[in-house]
Amino acid sequence: MSIDTSEMGTLLLVIIMAVVTIVTRWGGVFIMSYIPISHRVQQFISAMSGSVLIAIIAPMFIKGDTGAQAALLVTAVGTLVLKKPLLSIAAGIAMAALMRNM
């Protein structure tokens, strides 16, 4: 199946993505309402969120340009040192901009 992305196709794709996002988020909340949150389940959820984050970031670090690699490194080190993720993300964005403008 192919959707034309020149006119209304783009809007259709955005709507489809929004619906899928809403259904998965609400579906997760609905399913988790039937699961008691024990210590084991809480550990699983914590580990899973970190795994998903690493699965998204690792390929970008390996195959990305030097700007992306520097930004990820600054963000990771900043988060570990400063314990303030938002400030670290801002520093990472600034590093990417600096590296790509050099």
PDB file of N, CA and C in Angstrom:
ATOM      1  N   MET A   1       0.849  -1.177   0.000  1.00  0.00           N
ATOM      2  CA  MET A   1       0.000   0.000   0.000  1.00  0.00           C
ATOM      3  C   MET A   1       0.890   1.234   0.000  1.00  0.00           C
ATOM      4  N   SER A   2       0.507   2.214  -0.767  1.00  0.00           N
ATOM      5  CA  SER A   2       1.270   3.447  -0.877  1.00  0.00           C
ATOM      6  C   SER A   2       0.331   4.639  -0.693  1.00  0.00           C
ATOM      7  N   ILE A   3       0.763   5.594   0.124  1.00  0.00           N
ATOM      8  CA  ILE A   3      -0.031   6.799   0.356  1.00  0.00           C
ATOM      9  C   ILE A   3       0.727   7.972  -0.244  1.00  0.00           C
ATOM     10  N   ASP A   4       0.053   8.732  -1.064  1.00  0.00           N
ATOM     11  CA  ASP A   4       0.654   9.907  -1.688  1.00  0.00           C
ATOM     12  C   ASP A   4       0.932  10.964  -0.620  1.00  0.00           C
ATOM     13  N   THR A   5       2.160  11.457  -0.590  1.00  0.00           N
ATOM     14  CA  THR A   5       2.533  12.416   0.452  1.00  0.00           C
ATOM     15  C   THR A   5       2.610  13.848  -0.055  1.00  0.00           C
ATOM     16  N   SER A   6       1.921  14.124  -1.154  1.00  0.00           N
ATOM     17  CA  SER A   6       2.005  15.482  -1.694  1.00  0.00           C
ATOM     18  C   SER A   6       0.923  16.404  -1.148  1.00  0.00           C
ATOM     19  N   GLU A   7      -0.271  15.886  -0.899  1.00  0.00           N
ATOM     20  CA  GLU A   7      -1.341  16.782  -0.437  1.00  0.00           C
ATOM     21  C   GLU A   7      -2.024  16.213   0.800  1.00  0.00           C
ATOM     22  N   MET A   8      -3.174  15.611   0.613  1.00  0.00           N
ATOM     23  CA  MET A   8      -3.948  15.096   1.745  1.00  0.00           C
ATOM     24  C   MET A   8      -3.323  13.839   2.340  1.00  0.00           C
ATOM     25  N   GLY A   9      -2.450  13.187   1.603  1.00  0.00           N
ATOM     26  CA  GLY A   9      -1.802  11.981   2.109  1.00  0.00           C
ATOM     27  C   GLY A   9      -0.988  12.252   3.366  1.00  0.00           C
ATOM     28  N   THR A  10      -0.319  13.386   3.417  1.00  0.00           N
ATOM     29  CA  THR A  10       0.483  13.744   4.590  1.00  0.00           C
ATOM     30  C   THR A  10      -0.409  13.914   5.812  1.00  0.00           C
ATOM     31  N   LEU A  11      -1.516  14.599   5.638  1.00  0.00           N
ATOM     32  CA  LEU A  11      -2.464  14.762   6.742  1.00  0.00           C
ATOM     33  C   LEU A  11      -3.002  13.416   7.194  1.00  0.00           C
ATOM     34  N   LEU A  12      -3.310  12.537   6.247  1.00  0.00           N
ATOM     35  CA  LEU A  12      -3.798  11.203   6.580  1.00  0.00           C
ATOM     36  C   LEU A  12      -2.758  10.430   7.394  1.00  0.00           C
ATOM     37  N   LEU A  13      -1.490  10.518   7.009  1.00  0.00           N
ATOM     38  CA  LEU A  13      -0.430   9.835   7.751  1.00  0.00           C
ATOM     39  C   LEU A  13      -0.291  10.373   9.169  1.00  0.00           C
ATOM     40  N   VAL A  14      -0.397  11.689   9.332  1.00  0.00           N
ATOM     41  CA  VAL A  14      -0.313  12.283  10.662  1.00  0.00           C
ATOM     42  C   VAL A  14      -1.478  11.815  11.521  1.00  0.00           C
ATOM     43  N   ILE A  15      -2.668  11.758  10.959  1.00  0.00           N
ATOM     44  CA  ILE A  15      -3.850  11.303  11.697  1.00  0.00           C
ATOM     45  C   ILE A  15      -3.696   9.838  12.096  1.00  0.00           C
ATOM     46  N   ILE A  16      -3.217   9.004  11.179  1.00  0.00           N
ATOM     47  CA  ILE A  16      -3.004   7.588  11.482  1.00  0.00           C
ATOM     48  C   ILE A  16      -1.995   7.431  12.620  1.00  0.00           C
ATOM     49  N   MET A  17      -0.889   8.182  12.556  1.00  0.00           N
ATOM     50  CA  MET A  17       0.121   8.096  13.610  1.00  0.00           C
ATOM     51  C   MET A  17      -0.438   8.571  14.954  1.00  0.00           C
ATOM     52  N   ALA A  18      -1.247   9.612  14.938  1.00  0.00           N
ATOM     53  CA  ALA A  18      -1.845  10.117  16.178  1.00  0.00           C
ATOM     54  C   ALA A  18      -2.781   9.079  16.782  1.00  0.00           C
ATOM     55  N   VAL A  19      -3.595   8.451  15.946  1.00  0.00           N
ATOM     56  CA  VAL A  19      -4.533   7.427  16.433  1.00  0.00           C
ATOM     57  C   VAL A  19      -3.768   6.239  17.015  1.00  0.00           C
ATOM     58  N   VAL A  20      -2.742   5.784  16.321  1.00  0.00           N
ATOM     59  CA  VAL A  20      -1.945   4.657  16.824  1.00  0.00           C
ATOM     60  C   VAL A  20      -1.293   5.022  18.158  1.00  0.00           C
ATOM     61  N   THR A  21      -0.762   6.227  18.278  1.00  0.00           N
ATOM     62  CA  THR A  21      -0.136   6.659  19.530  1.00  0.00           C
ATOM     63  C   THR A  21      -1.141   6.692  20.667  1.00  0.00           C
ATOM     64  N   ILE A  22      -2.311   7.264  20.419  1.00  0.00           N
ATOM     65  CA  ILE A  22      -3.339   7.349  21.459  1.00  0.00           C
ATOM     66  C   ILE A  22      -3.808   5.961  21.873  1.00  0.00           C
ATOM     67  N   VAL A  23      -4.046   5.083  20.903  1.00  0.00           N
ATOM     68  CA  VAL A  23      -4.522   3.731  21.214  1.00  0.00           C
ATOM     69  C   VAL A  23      -3.487   2.956  22.023  1.00  0.00           C
ATOM     70  N   THR A  24      -2.212   3.058  21.660  1.00  0.00           N
ATOM     71  CA  THR A  24      -1.198   2.313  22.410  1.00  0.00           C
ATOM     72  C   THR A  24      -1.025   2.878  23.818  1.00  0.00           C
ATOM     73  N   ARG A  25      -1.071   4.186  23.954  1.00  0.00           N
ATOM     74  CA  ARG A  25      -0.931   4.763  25.304  1.00  0.00           C
ATOM     75  C   ARG A  25      -2.136   4.424  26.182  1.00  0.00           C
ATOM     76  N   TRP A  26      -3.322   4.630  25.675  1.00  0.00           N
ATOM     77  CA  TRP A  26      -4.518   4.309  26.453  1.00  0.00           C
ATOM     78  C   TRP A  26      -4.638   2.811  26.678  1.00  0.00           C
ATOM     79  N   GLY A  27      -4.257   2.039  25.667  1.00  0.00           N
ATOM     80  CA  GLY A  27      -4.298   0.579  25.808  1.00  0.00           C
ATOM     81  C   GLY A  27      -3.359   0.103  26.894  1.00  0.00           C
ATOM     82  N   GLY A  28      -2.180   0.701  26.965  1.00  0.00           N
ATOM     83  CA  GLY A  28      -1.231   0.337  28.016  1.00  0.00           C
ATOM     84  C   GLY A  28      -1.765   0.662  29.396  1.00  0.00           C
ATOM     85  N   VAL A  29      -2.362   1.822  29.533  1.00  0.00           N
ATOM     86  CA  VAL A  29      -2.948   2.205  30.824  1.00  0.00           C
ATOM     87  C   VAL A  29      -4.095   1.258  31.174  1.00  0.00           C
ATOM     88  N   PHE A  30      -4.925   0.924  30.189  1.00  0.00           N
ATOM     89  CA  PHE A  30      -6.052   0.019  30.420  1.00  0.00           C
ATOM     90  C   PHE A  30      -5.566  -1.358  30.859  1.00  0.00           C
ATOM     91  N   ILE A  31      -4.585  -1.896  30.153  1.00  0.00           N
ATOM     92  CA  ILE A  31      -4.067  -3.229  30.503  1.00  0.00           C
ATOM     93  C   ILE A  31      -3.394  -3.209  31.872  1.00  0.00           C
ATOM     94  N   MET A  32      -2.607  -2.170  32.135  1.00  0.00           N
ATOM     95  CA  MET A  32      -1.911  -2.103  33.420  1.00  0.00           C
ATOM     96  C   MET A  32      -2.863  -1.876  34.589  1.00  0.00           C
ATOM     97  N   SER A  33      -4.097  -1.419  34.323  1.00  0.00           N
ATOM     98  CA  SER A  33      -5.055  -1.254  35.417  1.00  0.00           C
ATOM     99  C   SER A  33      -5.479  -2.605  35.989  1.00  0.00           C
ATOM    100  N   TYR A  34      -5.265  -3.691  35.245  1.00  0.00           N
ATOM    101  CA  TYR A  34      -5.610  -5.029  35.719  1.00  0.00           C
ATOM    102  C   TYR A  34      -4.415  -5.765  36.328  1.00  0.00           C
ATOM    103  N   ILE A  35      -3.241  -5.169  36.308  1.00  0.00           N
ATOM    104  CA  ILE A  35      -2.035  -5.818  36.829  1.00  0.00           C
ATOM    105  C   ILE A  35      -1.630  -5.129  38.119  1.00  0.00           C
ATOM    106  N   PRO A  36      -1.551  -5.899  39.211  1.00  0.00           N
ATOM    107  CA  PRO A  36      -1.115  -5.275  40.460  1.00  0.00           C
ATOM    108  C   PRO A  36       0.370  -4.890  40.363  1.00  0.00           C
ATOM    109  N   ILE A  37       0.684  -3.701  40.822  1.00  0.00           N
ATOM    110  CA  ILE A  37       2.048  -3.198  40.737  1.00  0.00           C
ATOM    111  C   ILE A  37       2.835  -3.702  41.954  1.00  0.00           C
ATOM    112  N   SER A  38       3.475  -4.836  41.766  1.00  0.00           N
ATOM    113  CA  SER A  38       4.338  -5.378  42.810  1.00  0.00           C
ATOM    114  C   SER A  38       5.745  -4.825  42.609  1.00  0.00           C
ATOM    115  N   HIS A  39       6.634  -5.177  43.523  1.00  0.00           N
ATOM    116  CA  HIS A  39       8.025  -4.719  43.399  1.00  0.00           C
ATOM    117  C   HIS A  39       8.656  -5.276  42.123  1.00  0.00           C
ATOM    118  N   ARG A  40       8.340  -6.504  41.791  1.00  0.00           N
ATOM    119  CA  ARG A  40       8.891  -7.140  40.581  1.00  0.00           C
ATOM    120  C   ARG A  40       8.394  -6.452  39.312  1.00  0.00           C
ATOM    121  N   VAL A  41       7.115  -6.125  39.257  1.00  0.00           N
ATOM    122  CA  VAL A  41       6.552  -5.432  38.097  1.00  0.00           C
ATOM    123  C   VAL A  41       7.162  -4.034  37.981  1.00  0.00           C
ATOM    124  N   GLN A  42       7.343  -3.358  39.090  1.00  0.00           N
ATOM    125  CA  GLN A  42       7.938  -2.029  39.075  1.00  0.00           C
ATOM    126  C   GLN A  42       9.384  -2.086  38.565  1.00  0.00           C
ATOM    127  N   GLN A  43      10.149  -3.100  38.965  1.00  0.00           N
ATOM    128  CA  GLN A  43      11.512  -3.266  38.460  1.00  0.00           C
ATOM    129  C   GLN A  43      11.510  -3.516  36.957  1.00  0.00           C
ATOM    130  N   PHE A  44      10.558  -4.333  36.485  1.00  0.00           N
ATOM    131  CA  PHE A  44      10.456  -4.618  35.053  1.00  0.00           C
ATOM    132  C   PHE A  44      10.165  -3.343  34.265  1.00  0.00           C
ATOM    133  N   ILE A  45       9.240  -2.545  34.747  1.00  0.00           N
ATOM    134  CA  ILE A  45       8.887  -1.304  34.049  1.00  0.00           C
ATOM    135  C   ILE A  45      10.087  -0.359  34.010  1.00  0.00           C
ATOM    136  N   SER A  46      10.799  -0.244  35.110  1.00  0.00           N
ATOM    137  CA  SER A  46      11.980   0.626  35.149  1.00  0.00           C
ATOM    138  C   SER A  46      13.054   0.141  34.183  1.00  0.00           C
ATOM    139  N   ALA A  47      13.304  -1.150  34.155  1.00  0.00           N
ATOM    140  CA  ALA A  47      14.326  -1.702  33.255  1.00  0.00           C
ATOM    141  C   ALA A  47      13.896  -1.579  31.801  1.00  0.00           C
ATOM    142  N   MET A  48      12.614  -1.766  31.528  1.00  0.00           N
ATOM    143  CA  MET A  48      12.122  -1.700  30.160  1.00  0.00           C
ATOM    144  C   MET A  48      12.262  -0.296  29.590  1.00  0.00           C
ATOM    145  N   SER A  49      11.977   0.719  30.375  1.00  0.00           N
ATOM    146  CA  SER A  49      12.071   2.087  29.851  1.00  0.00           C
ATOM    147  C   SER A  49      13.510   2.431  29.509  1.00  0.00           C
ATOM    148  N   GLY A  50      14.455   2.007  30.309  1.00  0.00           N
ATOM    149  CA  GLY A  50      15.862   2.225  29.999  1.00  0.00           C
ATOM    150  C   GLY A  50      16.295   1.472  28.756  1.00  0.00           C
ATOM    151  N   SER A  51      15.796   0.258  28.592  1.00  0.00           N
ATOM    152  CA  SER A  51      16.143  -0.553  27.419  1.00  0.00           C
ATOM    153  C   SER A  51      15.628   0.081  26.137  1.00  0.00           C
ATOM    154  N   VAL A  52      14.419   0.598  26.178  1.00  0.00           N
ATOM    155  CA  VAL A  52      13.852   1.257  25.002  1.00  0.00           C
ATOM    156  C   VAL A  52      14.661   2.503  24.656  1.00  0.00           C
ATOM    157  N   LEU A  53      15.051   3.257  25.663  1.00  0.00           N
ATOM    158  CA  LEU A  53      15.846   4.452  25.436  1.00  0.00           C
ATOM    159  C   LEU A  53      17.191   4.100  24.803  1.00  0.00           C
ATOM    160  N   ILE A  54      17.855   3.085  25.308  1.00  0.00           N
ATOM    161  CA  ILE A  54      19.142   2.662  24.754  1.00  0.00           C
ATOM    162  C   ILE A  54      18.962   2.142  23.337  1.00  0.00           C
ATOM    163  N   ALA A  55      17.878   1.421  23.077  1.00  0.00           N
ATOM    164  CA  ALA A  55      17.635   0.900  21.727  1.00  0.00           C
ATOM    165  C   ALA A  55      17.435   2.019  20.716  1.00  0.00           C
ATOM    166  N   ILE A  56      16.941   3.144  21.150  1.00  0.00           N
ATOM    167  CA  ILE A  56      16.760   4.285  20.254  1.00  0.00           C
ATOM    168  C   ILE A  56      18.058   5.057  20.088  1.00  0.00           C
ATOM    169  N   ILE A  57      18.805   5.219  21.170  1.00  0.00           N
ATOM    170  CA  ILE A  57      19.998   6.065  21.151  1.00  0.00           C
ATOM    171  C   ILE A  57      21.218   5.369  20.566  1.00  0.00           C
ATOM    172  N   ALA A  58      21.424   4.088  20.846  1.00  0.00           N
ATOM    173  CA  ALA A  58      22.646   3.392  20.427  1.00  0.00           C
ATOM    174  C   ALA A  58      22.887   3.446  18.918  1.00  0.00           C
ATOM    175  N   PRO A  59      21.897   3.156  18.070  1.00  0.00           N
ATOM    176  CA  PRO A  59      22.162   3.249  16.625  1.00  0.00           C
ATOM    177  C   PRO A  59      22.523   4.672  16.184  1.00  0.00           C
ATOM    178  N   MET A  60      21.918   5.673  16.842  1.00  0.00           N
ATOM    179  CA  MET A  60      22.226   7.048  16.502  1.00  0.00           C
ATOM    180  C   MET A  60      23.671   7.369  16.872  1.00  0.00           C
ATOM    181  N   PHE A  61      24.134   6.830  17.987  1.00  0.00           N
ATOM    182  CA  PHE A  61      25.510   7.079  18.413  1.00  0.00           C
ATOM    183  C   PHE A  61      26.497   6.367  17.494  1.00  0.00           C
ATOM    184  N   ILE A  62      26.157   5.165  17.058  1.00  0.00           N
ATOM    185  CA  ILE A  62      27.063   4.374  16.221  1.00  0.00           C
ATOM    186  C   ILE A  62      27.115   4.899  14.787  1.00  0.00           C
ATOM    187  N   LYS A  63      25.968   5.198  14.209  1.00  0.00           N
ATOM    188  CA  LYS A  63      25.914   5.597  12.801  1.00  0.00           C
ATOM    189  C   LYS A  63      25.783   7.099  12.574  1.00  0.00           C
ATOM    190  N   GLY A  64      25.624   7.849  13.639  1.00  0.00           N
ATOM    191  CA  GLY A  64      25.428   9.292  13.500  1.00  0.00           C
ATOM    192  C   GLY A  64      26.715  10.024  13.185  1.00  0.00           C
ATOM    193  N   ASP A  65      26.571  11.275  12.803  1.00  0.00           N
ATOM    194  CA  ASP A  65      27.743  12.104  12.521  1.00  0.00           C
ATOM    195  C   ASP A  65      28.382  12.551  13.841  1.00  0.00           C
ATOM    196  N   THR A  66      29.481  13.279  13.746  1.00  0.00           N
ATOM    197  CA  THR A  66      30.185  13.692  14.958  1.00  0.00           C
ATOM    198  C   THR A  66      29.343  14.629  15.819  1.00  0.00           C
ATOM    199  N   GLY A  67      28.461  15.411  15.192  1.00  0.00           N
ATOM    200  CA  GLY A  67      27.567  16.280  15.952  1.00  0.00           C
ATOM    201  C   GLY A  67      26.619  15.481  16.828  1.00  0.00           C
ATOM    202  N   ALA A  68      26.049  14.426  16.265  1.00  0.00           N
ATOM    203  CA  ALA A  68      25.131  13.565  17.029  1.00  0.00           C
ATOM    204  C   ALA A  68      25.870  12.839  18.139  1.00  0.00           C
ATOM    205  N   GLN A  69      27.048  12.327  17.835  1.00  0.00           N
ATOM    206  CA  GLN A  69      27.827  11.606  18.842  1.00  0.00           C
ATOM    207  C   GLN A  69      28.240  12.525  19.987  1.00  0.00           C
ATOM    208  N   ALA A  70      28.695  13.730  19.663  1.00  0.00           N
ATOM    209  CA  ALA A  70      29.082  14.680  20.706  1.00  0.00           C
ATOM    210  C   ALA A  70      27.878  15.091  21.547  1.00  0.00           C
ATOM    211  N   ALA A  71      26.739  15.293  20.899  1.00  0.00           N
ATOM    212  CA  ALA A  71      25.528  15.686  21.626  1.00  0.00           C
ATOM    213  C   ALA A  71      25.092  14.593  22.590  1.00  0.00           C
ATOM    214  N   LEU A  72      25.111  13.342  22.129  1.00  0.00           N
ATOM    215  CA  LEU A  72      24.719  12.234  23.001  1.00  0.00           C
ATOM    216  C   LEU A  72      25.693  12.077  24.163  1.00  0.00           C
ATOM    217  N   LEU A  73      26.976  12.249  23.887  1.00  0.00           N
ATOM    218  CA  LEU A  73      27.983  12.127  24.939  1.00  0.00           C
ATOM    219  C   LEU A  73      27.818  13.233  25.982  1.00  0.00           C
ATOM    220  N   VAL A  74      27.635  14.466  25.533  1.00  0.00           N
ATOM    221  CA  VAL A  74      27.450  15.587  26.463  1.00  0.00           C
ATOM    222  C   VAL A  74      26.180  15.397  27.283  1.00  0.00           C
ATOM    223  N   THR A  75      25.119  14.941  26.647  1.00  0.00           N
ATOM    224  CA  THR A  75      23.854  14.722  27.355  1.00  0.00           C
ATOM    225  C   THR A  75      24.002  13.625  28.406  1.00  0.00           C
ATOM    226  N   ALA A  76      24.637  12.511  28.037  1.00  0.00           N
ATOM    227  CA  ALA A  76      24.804  11.394  28.981  1.00  0.00           C
ATOM    228  C   ALA A  76      25.674  11.798  30.166  1.00  0.00           C
ATOM    229  N   VAL A  77      26.817  12.400  29.883  1.00  0.00           N
ATOM    230  CA  VAL A  77      27.725  12.799  30.975  1.00  0.00           C
ATOM    231  C   VAL A  77      27.070  13.885  31.828  1.00  0.00           C
ATOM    232  N   GLY A  78      26.417  14.829  31.180  1.00  0.00           N
ATOM    233  CA  GLY A  78      25.739  15.890  31.925  1.00  0.00           C
ATOM    234  C   GLY A  78      24.663  15.356  32.846  1.00  0.00           C
ATOM    235  N   THR A  79      23.919  14.373  32.383  1.00  0.00           N
ATOM    236  CA  THR A  79      22.865  13.797  33.216  1.00  0.00           C
ATOM    237  C   THR A  79      23.464  13.063  34.409  1.00  0.00           C
ATOM    238  N   LEU A  80      24.546  12.334  34.177  1.00  0.00           N
ATOM    239  CA  LEU A  80      25.179  11.612  35.277  1.00  0.00           C
ATOM    240  C   LEU A  80      25.814  12.548  36.292  1.00  0.00           C
ATOM    241  N   VAL A  81      26.421  13.619  35.825  1.00  0.00           N
ATOM    242  CA  VAL A  81      27.121  14.540  36.722  1.00  0.00           C
ATOM    243  C   VAL A  81      26.154  15.517  37.389  1.00  0.00           C
ATOM    244  N   LEU A  82      25.313  16.171  36.587  1.00  0.00           N
ATOM    245  CA  LEU A  82      24.443  17.227  37.110  1.00  0.00           C
ATOM    246  C   LEU A  82      23.145  16.719  37.728  1.00  0.00           C
ATOM    247  N   LYS A  83      22.716  15.534  37.325  1.00  0.00           N
ATOM    248  CA  LYS A  83      21.436  14.958  37.779  1.00  0.00           C
ATOM    249  C   LYS A  83      20.239  15.817  37.373  1.00  0.00           C
ATOM    250  N   LYS A  84      20.411  16.579  36.269  1.00  0.00           N
ATOM    251  CA  LYS A  84      19.332  17.423  35.752  1.00  0.00           C
ATOM    252  C   LYS A  84      19.188  17.145  34.256  1.00  0.00           C
ATOM    253  N   PRO A  85      18.279  16.238  33.890  1.00  0.00           N
ATOM    254  CA  PRO A  85      18.164  15.828  32.485  1.00  0.00           C
ATOM    255  C   PRO A  85      17.844  16.974  31.528  1.00  0.00           C
ATOM    256  N   LEU A  86      16.977  17.900  31.924  1.00  0.00           N
ATOM    257  CA  LEU A  86      16.584  18.978  31.017  1.00  0.00           C
ATOM    258  C   LEU A  86      17.777  19.873  30.675  1.00  0.00           C
ATOM    259  N   LEU A  87      18.567  20.199  31.669  1.00  0.00           N
ATOM    260  CA  LEU A  87      19.761  21.001  31.442  1.00  0.00           C
ATOM    261  C   LEU A  87      20.765  20.245  30.570  1.00  0.00           C
ATOM    262  N   SER A  88      20.881  18.948  30.790  1.00  0.00           N
ATOM    263  CA  SER A  88      21.799  18.122  29.997  1.00  0.00           C
ATOM    264  C   SER A  88      21.340  18.020  28.543  1.00  0.00           C
ATOM    265  N   ILE A  89      20.040  17.906  28.332  1.00  0.00           N
ATOM    266  CA  ILE A  89      19.508  17.852  26.967  1.00  0.00           C
ATOM    267  C   ILE A  89      19.775  19.178  26.254  1.00  0.00           C
ATOM    268  N   ALA A  90      19.577  20.289  26.952  1.00  0.00           N
ATOM    269  CA  ALA A  90      19.865  21.601  26.357  1.00  0.00           C
ATOM    270  C   ALA A  90      21.340  21.712  25.989  1.00  0.00           C
ATOM    271  N   ALA A  91      22.220  21.213  26.856  1.00  0.00           N
ATOM    272  CA  ALA A  91      23.654  21.228  26.555  1.00  0.00           C
ATOM    273  C   ALA A  91      23.964  20.336  25.356  1.00  0.00           C
ATOM    274  N   GLY A  92      23.298  19.202  25.259  1.00  0.00           N
ATOM    275  CA  GLY A  92      23.493  18.307  24.113  1.00  0.00           C
ATOM    276  C   GLY A  92      23.053  18.943  22.810  1.00  0.00           C
ATOM    277  N   ILE A  93      21.934  19.643  22.835  1.00  0.00           N
ATOM    278  CA  ILE A  93      21.444  20.331  21.639  1.00  0.00           C
ATOM    279  C   ILE A  93      22.427  21.429  21.229  1.00  0.00           C
ATOM    280  N   ALA A  94      22.910  22.162  22.226  1.00  0.00           N
ATOM    281  CA  ALA A  94      23.888  23.213  21.938  1.00  0.00           C
ATOM    282  C   ALA A  94      25.169  22.614  21.347  1.00  0.00           C
ATOM    283  N   MET A  95      25.601  21.471  21.862  1.00  0.00           N
ATOM    284  CA  MET A  95      26.805  20.810  21.343  1.00  0.00           C
ATOM    285  C   MET A  95      26.598  20.354  19.903  1.00  0.00           C
ATOM    286  N   ALA A  96      25.433  19.801  19.598  1.00  0.00           N
ATOM    287  CA  ALA A  96      25.149  19.381  18.224  1.00  0.00           C
ATOM    288  C   ALA A  96      25.179  20.581  17.283  1.00  0.00           C
ATOM    289  N   ALA A  97      24.588  21.669  17.702  1.00  0.00           N
ATOM    290  CA  ALA A  97      24.576  22.879  16.863  1.00  0.00           C
ATOM    291  C   ALA A  97      25.995  23.403  16.657  1.00  0.00           C
ATOM    292  N   LEU A  98      26.779  23.409  17.729  1.00  0.00           N
ATOM    293  CA  LEU A  98      28.160  23.881  17.648  1.00  0.00           C
ATOM    294  C   LEU A  98      28.996  22.999  16.718  1.00  0.00           C
ATOM    295  N   MET A  99      28.874  21.684  16.874  1.00  0.00           N
ATOM    296  CA  MET A  99      29.662  20.748  16.053  1.00  0.00           C
ATOM    297  C   MET A  99      29.269  20.823  14.584  1.00  0.00           C
ATOM    298  N   ARG A 100      28.007  21.006  14.321  1.00  0.00           N
ATOM    299  CA  ARG A 100      27.560  21.028  12.922  1.00  0.00           C
ATOM    300  C   ARG A 100      27.837  22.363  12.252  1.00  0.00           C
ATOM    301  N   ASN A 101      28.065  23.403  13.021  1.00  0.00           N
ATOM    302  CA  ASN A 101      28.407  24.703  12.430  1.00  0.00           C
ATOM    303  C   ASN A 101      29.898  24.923  12.300  1.00  0.00           C
ATOM    304  N   MET A 102      30.678  23.983  12.741  1.00  0.00           N
ATOM    305  CA  MET A 102      32.139  24.106  12.641  1.00  0.00           C
ATOM    306  C   MET A 102      32.635  23.655  11.282  1.00  0.00           C
TER     307      MET A 102
END
